[in-house]
Amino acid sequence: MSSDILKFLRTLADSTRLRLLSLLEKETLSVHEIQAITRMGQSRISTHLSVLLKAGLLSSSRKGRHIFYKLSATHKLSYSELILAALEGARQLPEYEADQANLRRILSLREEYSRLFFNQVAGRFDRHYGPGRSWQAFGQLLLRMLPPLVIADLGSGEGLISELLAQNAKLVIAVDNSPKIIRFGEEQARKNHIKNIQFRLGDIRKPPIEPESVDIALFSQVLHHLSDPETALNSAFKILKPGGKIFILDLLLHNFTEAHKLYGDELLGFSEGQMHLLLEQAGFSNIDICIAAREEDPPHFETLLISALKKES
């Protein structure tokens, strides 16, 4: 009997298995979904799931091509008090909050097929040549379909995105902390006869924009330059109207440490779970995160596309 307890304790003593148990405590997940949540390799996940299955801690079922796993009913298992203690311990792991945020994200995506459809269309777009068929034209078409909105381009730089958005926006407020960049942006807007852009000098962590005055807040490859991105997200929440949305393009977490010196990056990108948690803490809901692009050349930077909603009160 004592050897059985020791074996059971060894099973529960591994931090990776505790992560898996905490995810499967209330939800039924496939290996693919666990991989998307934890960013662990498939073989590593499968190995630990196998150990948990042999210990009787998990049950599995097949749906189509996928096998789904769930924590067995703890009250029916031997040493149930040890299992409950282990689950409580799992909540102290450093990965716990990010895992739970990613779990919520993955569950919300189960019924969404629009992204899959978009990716399929995007993959076919350049497959066959056609005269005049280009992403530039496609982008202009989509921009003109947008309703006229008030948009805050936070960390706008020289205003390239602001100029594009201004094609159909009611107003674009471009905020940057460089006087030189602001002057350049204003000059470009004058040259291009764009009158619905306002360039404002300021810190995006405290943007010079009235509370609840914009429909969209945009951060494009900006947040990883900040040591405190949560401050910028909190400020974006304040300037958005109820029902407004935030959009973020930023780097997926990477290990290219030279980015600190080469590009002045404070942070090496963000994991999906980290970004989900930051947005939740700022007050946003309906959070949607996906990988929108991956560079072909090393270090293969990947870009996250993120959107979230400021609910109407």
C-alpha atoms as a PDB file:
ATOM      1  CA  MET A   1       0.000   0.000   0.000  1.00  0.00           C
ATOM      2  CA  SER A   2       2.802   2.439   0.884  1.00  0.00           C
ATOM      3  CA  SER A   3       4.469   1.810  -2.484  1.00  0.00           C
ATOM      4  CA  ASP A   4       1.184   2.675  -4.216  1.00  0.00           C
ATOM      5  CA  ILE A   5       1.002   5.970  -2.321  1.00  0.00           C
ATOM      6  CA  LEU A   6       4.603   6.811  -3.228  1.00  0.00           C
ATOM      7  CA  LYS A   7       3.911   6.057  -6.888  1.00  0.00           C
ATOM      8  CA  PHE A   8       0.826   8.244  -6.755  1.00  0.00           C
ATOM      9  CA  LEU A   9       2.732  11.065  -5.083  1.00  0.00           C
ATOM     10  CA  ARG A  10       5.430  10.906  -7.772  1.00  0.00           C
ATOM     11  CA  THR A  11       2.716  11.234 -10.411  1.00  0.00           C
ATOM     12  CA  LEU A  12       1.350  14.345  -8.740  1.00  0.00           C
ATOM     13  CA  ALA A  13       4.750  15.873  -7.978  1.00  0.00           C
ATOM     14  CA  ASP A  14       5.506  16.904 -11.573  1.00  0.00           C
ATOM     15  CA  SER A  15       4.660  20.544 -12.366  1.00  0.00           C
ATOM     16  CA  THR A  16       3.763  19.800 -15.996  1.00  0.00           C
ATOM     17  CA  ARG A  17       1.249  17.156 -14.940  1.00  0.00           C
ATOM     18  CA  LEU A  18      -0.204  19.589 -12.409  1.00  0.00           C
ATOM     19  CA  ARG A  19      -0.697  22.137 -15.209  1.00  0.00           C
ATOM     20  CA  LEU A  20      -2.554  19.536 -17.250  1.00  0.00           C
ATOM     21  CA  LEU A  21      -4.725  18.469 -14.332  1.00  0.00           C
ATOM     22  CA  SER A  22      -5.727  22.070 -13.602  1.00  0.00           C
ATOM     23  CA  LEU A  23      -6.771  22.536 -17.242  1.00  0.00           C
ATOM     24  CA  LEU A  24      -8.707  19.274 -17.340  1.00  0.00           C
ATOM     25  CA  GLU A  25     -10.356  19.721 -13.964  1.00  0.00           C
ATOM     26  CA  LYS A  26     -13.525  21.203 -15.470  1.00  0.00           C
ATOM     27  CA  GLU A  27     -13.013  21.046 -19.244  1.00  0.00           C
ATOM     28  CA  THR A  28     -12.587  18.288 -21.836  1.00  0.00           C
ATOM     29  CA  LEU A  29      -9.690  19.107 -24.180  1.00  0.00           C
ATOM     30  CA  SER A  30      -7.787  17.557 -27.062  1.00  0.00           C
ATOM     31  CA  VAL A  31      -3.990  17.413 -27.312  1.00  0.00           C
ATOM     32  CA  HIS A  32      -4.148  20.079 -30.015  1.00  0.00           C
ATOM     33  CA  GLU A  33      -6.112  22.409 -27.723  1.00  0.00           C
ATOM     34  CA  ILE A  34      -3.767  21.760 -24.794  1.00  0.00           C
ATOM     35  CA  GLN A  35      -0.842  22.543 -27.076  1.00  0.00           C
ATOM     36  CA  ALA A  36      -2.444  25.858 -28.102  1.00  0.00           C
ATOM     37  CA  ILE A  37      -3.024  26.743 -24.446  1.00  0.00           C
ATOM     38  CA  THR A  38       0.341  25.773 -22.984  1.00  0.00           C
ATOM     39  CA  ARG A  39       2.706  26.156 -25.969  1.00  0.00           C
ATOM     40  CA  MET A  40       4.264  22.842 -24.977  1.00  0.00           C
ATOM     41  CA  GLY A  41       5.330  20.315 -27.598  1.00  0.00           C
ATOM     42  CA  GLN A  42       2.861  17.630 -28.623  1.00  0.00           C
ATOM     43  CA  SER A  43       5.127  14.729 -27.622  1.00  0.00           C
ATOM     44  CA  ARG A  44       5.691  16.221 -24.166  1.00  0.00           C
ATOM     45  CA  ILE A  45       1.955  16.657 -23.642  1.00  0.00           C
ATOM     46  CA  SER A  46       1.169  13.126 -24.859  1.00  0.00           C
ATOM     47  CA  THR A  47       3.814  11.606 -22.582  1.00  0.00           C
ATOM     48  CA  HIS A  48       2.396  13.264 -19.476  1.00  0.00           C
ATOM     49  CA  LEU A  49      -1.200  12.499 -20.456  1.00  0.00           C
ATOM     50  CA  SER A  50      -0.218   8.850 -20.762  1.00  0.00           C
ATOM     51  CA  VAL A  51       1.189   8.873 -17.210  1.00  0.00           C
ATOM     52  CA  LEU A  52      -1.999  10.482 -15.875  1.00  0.00           C
ATOM     53  CA  LEU A  53      -4.176   7.983 -17.745  1.00  0.00           C
ATOM     54  CA  LYS A  54      -2.253   5.027 -16.311  1.00  0.00           C
ATOM     55  CA  ALA A  55      -2.699   6.467 -12.842  1.00  0.00           C
ATOM     56  CA  GLY A  56      -6.449   6.624 -13.457  1.00  0.00           C
ATOM     57  CA  LEU A  57      -6.522  10.383 -13.031  1.00  0.00           C
ATOM     58  CA  LEU A  58      -7.888  11.047 -16.508  1.00  0.00           C
ATOM     59  CA  SER A  59     -10.596   9.625 -18.729  1.00  0.00           C
ATOM     60  CA  SER A  60     -10.500   9.851 -22.518  1.00  0.00           C
ATOM     61  CA  SER A  61     -12.990   9.696 -25.370  1.00  0.00           C
ATOM     62  CA  ARG A  62     -12.676   9.873 -29.129  1.00  0.00           C
ATOM     63  CA  LYS A  63     -14.581  12.353 -31.278  1.00  0.00           C
ATOM     64  CA  GLY A  64     -13.785  11.968 -34.955  1.00  0.00           C
ATOM     65  CA  ARG A  65     -10.014  12.116 -35.418  1.00  0.00           C
ATOM     66  CA  HIS A  66      -9.316  13.589 -31.989  1.00  0.00           C
ATOM     67  CA  ILE A  67      -9.059  12.122 -28.500  1.00  0.00           C
ATOM     68  CA  PHE A  68     -10.348  14.309 -25.684  1.00  0.00           C
ATOM     69  CA  TYR A  69      -9.218  14.132 -22.060  1.00  0.00           C
ATOM     70  CA  LYS A  70     -10.852  15.096 -18.777  1.00  0.00           C
ATOM     71  CA  LEU A  71     -10.064  14.711 -15.080  1.00  0.00           C
ATOM     72  CA  SER A  72     -11.808  11.669 -13.643  1.00  0.00           C
ATOM     73  CA  ALA A  73     -14.402  12.270 -10.937  1.00  0.00           C
ATOM     74  CA  THR A  74     -12.154  12.877  -7.949  1.00  0.00           C
ATOM     75  CA  HIS A  75     -14.606  11.544  -5.368  1.00  0.00           C
ATOM     76  CA  LYS A  76     -14.440   8.139  -7.063  1.00  0.00           C
ATOM     77  CA  LEU A  77     -10.629   7.968  -7.053  1.00  0.00           C
ATOM     78  CA  SER A  78      -8.277   6.617  -4.435  1.00  0.00           C
ATOM     79  CA  TYR A  79      -6.409   9.279  -2.473  1.00  0.00           C
ATOM     80  CA  SER A  80      -8.981  11.907  -3.498  1.00  0.00           C
ATOM     81  CA  GLU A  81      -7.752  14.271  -0.780  1.00  0.00           C
ATOM     82  CA  LEU A  82      -4.242  14.152  -2.275  1.00  0.00           C
ATOM     83  CA  ILE A  83      -5.657  15.007  -5.705  1.00  0.00           C
ATOM     84  CA  LEU A  84      -7.611  17.976  -4.361  1.00  0.00           C
ATOM     85  CA  ALA A  85      -4.477  19.188  -2.579  1.00  0.00           C
ATOM     86  CA  ALA A  86      -2.506  18.836  -5.810  1.00  0.00           C
ATOM     87  CA  LEU A  87      -5.114  20.863  -7.722  1.00  0.00           C
ATOM     88  CA  GLU A  88      -4.886  23.554  -5.071  1.00  0.00           C
ATOM     89  CA  GLY A  89      -1.108  23.502  -5.462  1.00  0.00           C
ATOM     90  CA  ALA A  90      -1.456  23.839  -9.235  1.00  0.00           C
ATOM     91  CA  ARG A  91      -3.067  27.238  -8.664  1.00  0.00           C
ATOM     92  CA  GLN A  92       0.241  28.426  -7.228  1.00  0.00           C
ATOM     93  CA  LEU A  93       2.217  27.582 -10.368  1.00  0.00           C
ATOM     94  CA  PRO A  94       3.596  30.620 -12.264  1.00  0.00           C
ATOM     95  CA  GLU A  95       1.899  29.445 -15.472  1.00  0.00           C
ATOM     96  CA  TYR A  96      -1.541  29.008 -13.899  1.00  0.00           C
ATOM     97  CA  GLU A  97      -3.119  32.391 -14.690  1.00  0.00           C
ATOM     98  CA  ALA A  98      -1.850  32.441 -18.282  1.00  0.00           C
ATOM     99  CA  ASP A  99      -3.048  28.852 -18.794  1.00  0.00           C
ATOM    100  CA  GLN A 100      -6.510  29.724 -17.525  1.00  0.00           C
ATOM    101  CA  ALA A 101      -6.679  32.821 -19.729  1.00  0.00           C
ATOM    102  CA  ASN A 102      -5.632  30.762 -22.740  1.00  0.00           C
ATOM    103  CA  LEU A 103      -8.190  28.112 -21.807  1.00  0.00           C
ATOM    104  CA  ARG A 104     -10.962  30.705 -21.950  1.00  0.00           C
ATOM    105  CA  ARG A 105      -9.642  31.879 -25.304  1.00  0.00           C
ATOM    106  CA  ILE A 106      -9.545  28.371 -26.788  1.00  0.00           C
ATOM    107  CA  LEU A 107     -13.040  27.535 -25.563  1.00  0.00           C
ATOM    108  CA  SER A 108     -14.408  30.711 -27.143  1.00  0.00           C
ATOM    109  CA  LEU A 109     -12.858  29.734 -30.474  1.00  0.00           C
ATOM    110  CA  ARG A 110     -14.480  26.319 -30.676  1.00  0.00           C
ATOM    111  CA  GLU A 111     -17.589  27.651 -32.350  1.00  0.00           C
ATOM    112  CA  GLU A 112     -15.837  30.262 -34.489  1.00  0.00           C
ATOM    113  CA  TYR A 113     -15.269  29.389 -38.117  1.00  0.00           C
ATOM    114  CA  SER A 114     -14.731  32.869 -39.548  1.00  0.00           C
ATOM    115  CA  ARG A 115     -10.988  32.828 -38.913  1.00  0.00           C
ATOM    116  CA  LEU A 116     -10.610  29.425 -40.535  1.00  0.00           C
ATOM    117  CA  PHE A 117     -12.513  30.708 -43.538  1.00  0.00           C
ATOM    118  CA  PHE A 118     -10.352  33.861 -43.711  1.00  0.00           C
ATOM    119  CA  ASN A 119      -7.147  31.828 -43.544  1.00  0.00           C
ATOM    120  CA  GLN A 120      -8.376  29.577 -46.327  1.00  0.00           C
ATOM    121  CA  VAL A 121      -9.217  32.584 -48.491  1.00  0.00           C
ATOM    122  CA  ALA A 122      -5.892  34.264 -47.700  1.00  0.00           C
ATOM    123  CA  GLY A 123      -4.016  31.097 -48.582  1.00  0.00           C
ATOM    124  CA  ARG A 124      -5.697  30.949 -51.987  1.00  0.00           C
ATOM    125  CA  PHE A 125      -5.338  34.661 -52.732  1.00  0.00           C
ATOM    126  CA  ASP A 126      -1.867  34.630 -54.254  1.00  0.00           C
ATOM    127  CA  ARG A 127      -2.038  31.097 -55.609  1.00  0.00           C
ATOM    128  CA  HIS A 128      -3.213  32.117 -59.062  1.00  0.00           C
ATOM    129  CA  TYR A 129      -2.193  35.231 -60.948  1.00  0.00           C
ATOM    130  CA  GLY A 130      -4.878  37.611 -62.151  1.00  0.00           C
ATOM    131  CA  PRO A 131      -4.384  41.095 -63.636  1.00  0.00           C
ATOM    132  CA  GLY A 132      -4.932  43.753 -60.971  1.00  0.00           C
ATOM    133  CA  ARG A 133      -5.353  41.187 -58.213  1.00  0.00           C
ATOM    134  CA  SER A 134      -3.395  42.485 -55.191  1.00  0.00           C
ATOM    135  CA  TRP A 135      -3.452  42.718 -51.418  1.00  0.00           C
ATOM    136  CA  GLN A 136      -3.102  46.504 -51.727  1.00  0.00           C
ATOM    137  CA  ALA A 137      -6.369  46.797 -53.638  1.00  0.00           C
ATOM    138  CA  PHE A 138      -8.047  44.299 -51.356  1.00  0.00           C
ATOM    139  CA  GLY A 139      -6.990  46.329 -48.297  1.00  0.00           C
ATOM    140  CA  GLN A 140      -8.284  49.571 -49.812  1.00  0.00           C
ATOM    141  CA  LEU A 141     -11.611  47.871 -50.529  1.00  0.00           C
ATOM    142  CA  LEU A 142     -11.983  46.681 -46.924  1.00  0.00           C
ATOM    143  CA  LEU A 143     -11.023  50.104 -45.545  1.00  0.00           C
ATOM    144  CA  ARG A 144     -13.771  51.762 -47.546  1.00  0.00           C
ATOM    145  CA  MET A 145     -16.330  49.343 -46.156  1.00  0.00           C
ATOM    146  CA  LEU A 146     -15.680  50.552 -42.597  1.00  0.00           C
ATOM    147  CA  PRO A 147     -18.170  53.011 -41.097  1.00  0.00           C
ATOM    148  CA  PRO A 148     -16.831  56.519 -40.339  1.00  0.00           C
ATOM    149  CA  LEU A 149     -15.343  56.156 -36.866  1.00  0.00           C
ATOM    150  CA  VAL A 150     -13.141  58.148 -34.491  1.00  0.00           C
ATOM    151  CA  ILE A 151      -9.874  56.198 -34.246  1.00  0.00           C
ATOM    152  CA  ALA A 152      -6.920  56.690 -31.886  1.00  0.00           C
ATOM    153  CA  ASP A 153      -3.662  55.459 -33.446  1.00  0.00           C
ATOM    154  CA  LEU A 154      -1.541  55.163 -30.312  1.00  0.00           C
ATOM    155  CA  GLY A 155       2.179  55.154 -31.011  1.00  0.00           C
ATOM    156  CA  SER A 156       1.497  56.193 -34.593  1.00  0.00           C
ATOM    157  CA  GLY A 157       5.077  56.898 -35.672  1.00  0.00           C
ATOM    158  CA  GLU A 158       5.109  58.805 -38.939  1.00  0.00           C
ATOM    159  CA  GLY A 159       1.431  58.055 -39.490  1.00  0.00           C
ATOM    160  CA  LEU A 160       1.360  55.466 -42.268  1.00  0.00           C
ATOM    161  CA  ILE A 161      -1.523  53.508 -40.740  1.00  0.00           C
ATOM    162  CA  SER A 162      -3.255  56.739 -39.735  1.00  0.00           C
ATOM    163  CA  GLU A 163      -3.221  57.924 -43.358  1.00  0.00           C
ATOM    164  CA  LEU A 164      -4.753  54.646 -44.519  1.00  0.00           C
ATOM    165  CA  LEU A 165      -7.432  54.702 -41.840  1.00  0.00           C
ATOM    166  CA  ALA A 166      -8.245  58.325 -42.628  1.00  0.00           C
ATOM    167  CA  GLN A 167      -9.516  57.282 -46.067  1.00  0.00           C
ATOM    168  CA  ASN A 168     -12.878  56.517 -44.482  1.00  0.00           C
ATOM    169  CA  ALA A 169     -12.588  57.517 -40.809  1.00  0.00           C
ATOM    170  CA  LYS A 170     -14.503  60.387 -39.267  1.00  0.00           C
ATOM    171  CA  LEU A 171     -11.300  61.383 -37.446  1.00  0.00           C
ATOM    172  CA  VAL A 172      -7.929  59.775 -36.751  1.00  0.00           C
ATOM    173  CA  ILE A 173      -5.995  60.972 -33.702  1.00  0.00           C
ATOM    174  CA  ALA A 174      -2.343  60.005 -34.112  1.00  0.00           C
ATOM    175  CA  VAL A 175      -0.364  60.093 -30.854  1.00  0.00           C
ATOM    176  CA  ASP A 176       3.426  59.836 -30.636  1.00  0.00           C
ATOM    177  CA  ASN A 177       6.046  61.040 -28.149  1.00  0.00           C
ATOM    178  CA  SER A 178       8.529  62.373 -30.728  1.00  0.00           C
ATOM    179  CA  PRO A 179       8.138  66.036 -31.774  1.00  0.00           C
ATOM    180  CA  LYS A 180      10.144  65.305 -34.943  1.00  0.00           C
ATOM    181  CA  ILE A 181       7.857  62.435 -35.920  1.00  0.00           C
ATOM    182  CA  ILE A 182       4.753  64.520 -35.211  1.00  0.00           C
ATOM    183  CA  ARG A 183       6.016  67.339 -37.469  1.00  0.00           C
ATOM    184  CA  PHE A 184       6.835  64.820 -40.215  1.00  0.00           C
ATOM    185  CA  GLY A 185       3.373  63.265 -39.972  1.00  0.00           C
ATOM    186  CA  GLU A 186       1.647  66.620 -40.142  1.00  0.00           C
ATOM    187  CA  GLU A 187       3.673  67.590 -43.224  1.00  0.00           C
ATOM    188  CA  GLN A 188       2.838  64.312 -44.974  1.00  0.00           C
ATOM    189  CA  ALA A 189      -0.860  64.760 -44.217  1.00  0.00           C
ATOM    190  CA  ARG A 190      -0.757  68.280 -45.703  1.00  0.00           C
ATOM    191  CA  LYS A 191       1.030  67.016 -48.832  1.00  0.00           C
ATOM    192  CA  ASN A 192      -1.577  64.302 -49.267  1.00  0.00           C
ATOM    193  CA  HIS A 193      -4.471  66.691 -48.540  1.00  0.00           C
ATOM    194  CA  ILE A 194      -5.700  64.618 -45.617  1.00  0.00           C
ATOM    195  CA  LYS A 195      -7.683  66.833 -43.292  1.00  0.00           C
ATOM    196  CA  ASN A 196      -9.184  64.332 -40.869  1.00  0.00           C
ATOM    197  CA  ILE A 197      -5.959  63.444 -39.041  1.00  0.00           C
ATOM    198  CA  GLN A 198      -4.868  65.176 -35.858  1.00  0.00           C
ATOM    199  CA  PHE A 199      -1.270  64.553 -34.773  1.00  0.00           C
ATOM    200  CA  ARG A 200      -0.858  64.972 -31.024  1.00  0.00           C
ATOM    201  CA  LEU A 201       2.384  64.916 -29.059  1.00  0.00           C
ATOM    202  CA  GLY A 202       2.093  62.763 -25.971  1.00  0.00           C
ATOM    203  CA  ASP A 203       2.780  59.565 -24.073  1.00  0.00           C
ATOM    204  CA  ILE A 204       0.536  56.654 -25.101  1.00  0.00           C
ATOM    205  CA  ARG A 205       0.432  55.626 -21.435  1.00  0.00           C
ATOM    206  CA  LYS A 206      -1.422  58.888 -20.812  1.00  0.00           C
ATOM    207  CA  PRO A 207      -2.655  59.972 -24.254  1.00  0.00           C
ATOM    208  CA  PRO A 208      -3.888  63.544 -24.776  1.00  0.00           C
ATOM    209  CA  ILE A 209      -7.388  62.345 -25.646  1.00  0.00           C
ATOM    210  CA  GLU A 210     -10.647  62.976 -23.789  1.00  0.00           C
ATOM    211  CA  PRO A 211     -12.185  60.050 -21.877  1.00  0.00           C
ATOM    212  CA  GLU A 212     -14.827  58.031 -23.745  1.00  0.00           C
ATOM    213  CA  SER A 213     -14.280  59.940 -26.999  1.00  0.00           C
ATOM    214  CA  VAL A 214     -13.023  57.358 -29.537  1.00  0.00           C
ATOM    215  CA  ASP A 215     -14.593  54.315 -31.192  1.00  0.00           C
ATOM    216  CA  ILE A 216     -11.353  52.412 -31.793  1.00  0.00           C
ATOM    217  CA  ALA A 217      -7.990  52.405 -30.019  1.00  0.00           C
ATOM    218  CA  LEU A 218      -5.141  50.948 -32.059  1.00  0.00           C
ATOM    219  CA  PHE A 219      -1.669  49.797 -31.015  1.00  0.00           C
ATOM    220  CA  SER A 220       0.473  48.617 -33.921  1.00  0.00           C
ATOM    221  CA  GLN A 221       3.817  47.043 -32.901  1.00  0.00           C
ATOM    222  CA  VAL A 222       4.093  49.460 -29.985  1.00  0.00           C
ATOM    223  CA  LEU A 223       3.433  47.670 -26.708  1.00  0.00           C
ATOM    224  CA  HIS A 224       6.636  45.611 -26.728  1.00  0.00           C
ATOM    225  CA  HIS A 225       8.552  48.910 -26.575  1.00  0.00           C
ATOM    226  CA  LEU A 226       7.051  49.619 -23.136  1.00  0.00           C
ATOM    227  CA  SER A 227       8.163  48.254 -19.786  1.00  0.00           C
ATOM    228  CA  ASP A 228       4.592  48.702 -18.496  1.00  0.00           C
ATOM    229  CA  PRO A 229       2.168  47.864 -21.341  1.00  0.00           C
ATOM    230  CA  GLU A 230      -0.638  47.440 -18.812  1.00  0.00           C
ATOM    231  CA  THR A 231      -0.611  51.227 -18.223  1.00  0.00           C
ATOM    232  CA  ALA A 232      -1.187  51.890 -21.925  1.00  0.00           C
ATOM    233  CA  LEU A 233      -4.014  49.344 -22.047  1.00  0.00           C
ATOM    234  CA  ASN A 234      -5.692  50.912 -19.009  1.00  0.00           C
ATOM    235  CA  SER A 235      -5.494  54.328 -20.672  1.00  0.00           C
ATOM    236  CA  ALA A 236      -6.907  52.962 -23.932  1.00  0.00           C
ATOM    237  CA  PHE A 237      -9.869  51.592 -21.981  1.00  0.00           C
ATOM    238  CA  LYS A 238     -10.534  55.054 -20.539  1.00  0.00           C
ATOM    239  CA  ILE A 239     -10.538  56.913 -23.870  1.00  0.00           C
ATOM    240  CA  LEU A 240     -12.835  54.395 -25.578  1.00  0.00           C
ATOM    241  CA  LYS A 241     -16.555  54.991 -25.746  1.00  0.00           C
ATOM    242  CA  PRO A 242     -18.742  52.265 -24.219  1.00  0.00           C
ATOM    243  CA  GLY A 243     -19.060  49.690 -26.995  1.00  0.00           C
ATOM    244  CA  GLY A 244     -15.710  50.742 -28.479  1.00  0.00           C
ATOM    245  CA  LYS A 245     -13.000  48.286 -29.468  1.00  0.00           C
ATOM    246  CA  ILE A 246      -9.272  47.961 -29.061  1.00  0.00           C
ATOM    247  CA  PHE A 247      -7.105  46.441 -31.797  1.00  0.00           C
ATOM    248  CA  ILE A 248      -3.511  45.365 -31.248  1.00  0.00           C
ATOM    249  CA  LEU A 249      -0.801  44.121 -33.576  1.00  0.00           C
ATOM    250  CA  ASP A 250       2.240  42.958 -31.659  1.00  0.00           C
ATOM    251  CA  LEU A 251       4.916  40.285 -31.559  1.00  0.00           C
ATOM    252  CA  LEU A 252       4.302  36.807 -30.265  1.00  0.00           C
ATOM    253  CA  LEU A 253       6.706  35.938 -27.460  1.00  0.00           C
ATOM    254  CA  HIS A 254      10.116  35.040 -28.927  1.00  0.00           C
ATOM    255  CA  ASN A 255      13.690  34.429 -27.764  1.00  0.00           C
ATOM    256  CA  PHE A 256      15.585  36.773 -30.101  1.00  0.00           C
ATOM    257  CA  THR A 257      17.296  38.716 -27.322  1.00  0.00           C
ATOM    258  CA  GLU A 258      19.223  40.902 -29.763  1.00  0.00           C
ATOM    259  CA  ALA A 259      15.963  42.780 -30.327  1.00  0.00           C
ATOM    260  CA  HIS A 260      16.717  44.750 -27.167  1.00  0.00           C
ATOM    261  CA  LYS A 261      19.761  46.377 -28.795  1.00  0.00           C
ATOM    262  CA  LEU A 262      18.742  46.282 -32.466  1.00  0.00           C
ATOM    263  CA  TYR A 263      15.231  47.664 -32.132  1.00  0.00           C
ATOM    264  CA  GLY A 264      15.102  49.125 -28.626  1.00  0.00           C
ATOM    265  CA  ASP A 265      12.518  46.554 -27.529  1.00  0.00           C
ATOM    266  CA  GLU A 266      11.743  46.468 -23.821  1.00  0.00           C
ATOM    267  CA  LEU A 267       9.894  43.150 -24.056  1.00  0.00           C
ATOM    268  CA  LEU A 268      10.381  40.109 -26.266  1.00  0.00           C
ATOM    269  CA  GLY A 269       6.759  40.054 -27.355  1.00  0.00           C
ATOM    270  CA  PHE A 270       3.777  38.539 -25.566  1.00  0.00           C
ATOM    271  CA  SER A 271       2.239  35.116 -25.177  1.00  0.00           C
ATOM    272  CA  GLU A 272      -1.450  34.811 -26.028  1.00  0.00           C
ATOM    273  CA  GLY A 273      -2.243  34.054 -22.399  1.00  0.00           C
ATOM    274  CA  GLN A 274      -0.288  37.041 -21.122  1.00  0.00           C
ATOM    275  CA  MET A 275      -2.062  39.409 -23.496  1.00  0.00           C
ATOM    276  CA  HIS A 276      -5.467  37.914 -22.689  1.00  0.00           C
ATOM    277  CA  LEU A 277      -4.823  38.444 -18.991  1.00  0.00           C
ATOM    278  CA  LEU A 278      -3.613  42.045 -19.456  1.00  0.00           C
ATOM    279  CA  LEU A 279      -6.762  42.921 -21.392  1.00  0.00           C
ATOM    280  CA  GLU A 280      -9.025  41.270 -18.843  1.00  0.00           C
ATOM    281  CA  GLN A 281      -7.333  43.171 -16.046  1.00  0.00           C
ATOM    282  CA  ALA A 282      -7.815  46.438 -17.959  1.00  0.00           C
ATOM    283  CA  GLY A 283     -11.568  45.749 -18.118  1.00  0.00           C
ATOM    284  CA  PHE A 284     -11.970  44.446 -21.672  1.00  0.00           C
ATOM    285  CA  SER A 285     -14.190  41.538 -22.701  1.00  0.00           C
ATOM    286  CA  ASN A 286     -14.889  39.557 -25.898  1.00  0.00           C
ATOM    287  CA  ILE A 287     -11.130  39.113 -26.289  1.00  0.00           C
ATOM    288  CA  ASP A 288     -10.007  37.517 -29.543  1.00  0.00           C
ATOM    289  CA  ILE A 289      -6.376  36.603 -30.255  1.00  0.00           C
ATOM    290  CA  CYS A 290      -4.794  34.896 -33.245  1.00  0.00           C
ATOM    291  CA  ILE A 291      -1.449  34.663 -35.024  1.00  0.00           C
ATOM    292  CA  ALA A 292      -1.922  36.800 -38.126  1.00  0.00           C
ATOM    293  CA  ALA A 293       1.492  36.496 -39.792  1.00  0.00           C
ATOM    294  CA  ARG A 294       4.843  34.719 -39.591  1.00  0.00           C
ATOM    295  CA  GLU A 295       8.027  36.030 -41.186  1.00  0.00           C
ATOM    296  CA  GLU A 296       9.755  33.579 -43.543  1.00  0.00           C
ATOM    297  CA  ASP A 297      13.283  34.674 -42.607  1.00  0.00           C
ATOM    298  CA  PRO A 298      14.985  34.055 -39.233  1.00  0.00           C
ATOM    299  CA  PRO A 299      14.222  34.756 -36.450  1.00  0.00           C
ATOM    300  CA  HIS A 300      10.719  34.123 -37.828  1.00  0.00           C
ATOM    301  CA  PHE A 301       8.890  36.798 -35.866  1.00  0.00           C
ATOM    302  CA  GLU A 302       5.183  36.078 -35.536  1.00  0.00           C
ATOM    303  CA  THR A 303       2.534  38.780 -35.205  1.00  0.00           C
ATOM    304  CA  LEU A 304      -0.494  38.569 -32.949  1.00  0.00           C
ATOM    305  CA  LEU A 305      -3.747  40.187 -34.024  1.00  0.00           C
ATOM    306  CA  ILE A 306      -5.864  41.029 -30.994  1.00  0.00           C
ATOM    307  CA  SER A 307      -9.234  42.653 -30.539  1.00  0.00           C
ATOM    308  CA  ALA A 308     -11.360  43.283 -27.462  1.00  0.00           C
ATOM    309  CA  LEU A 309     -14.487  45.157 -26.458  1.00  0.00           C
ATOM    310  CA  LYS A 310     -15.292  47.807 -23.884  1.00  0.00           C
ATOM    311  CA  LYS A 311     -18.792  46.752 -22.942  1.00  0.00           C
ATOM    312  CA  GLU A 312     -21.579  49.278 -22.765  1.00  0.00           C
ATOM    313  CA  SER A 313     -22.542  49.927 -19.162  1.00  0.00           C
END
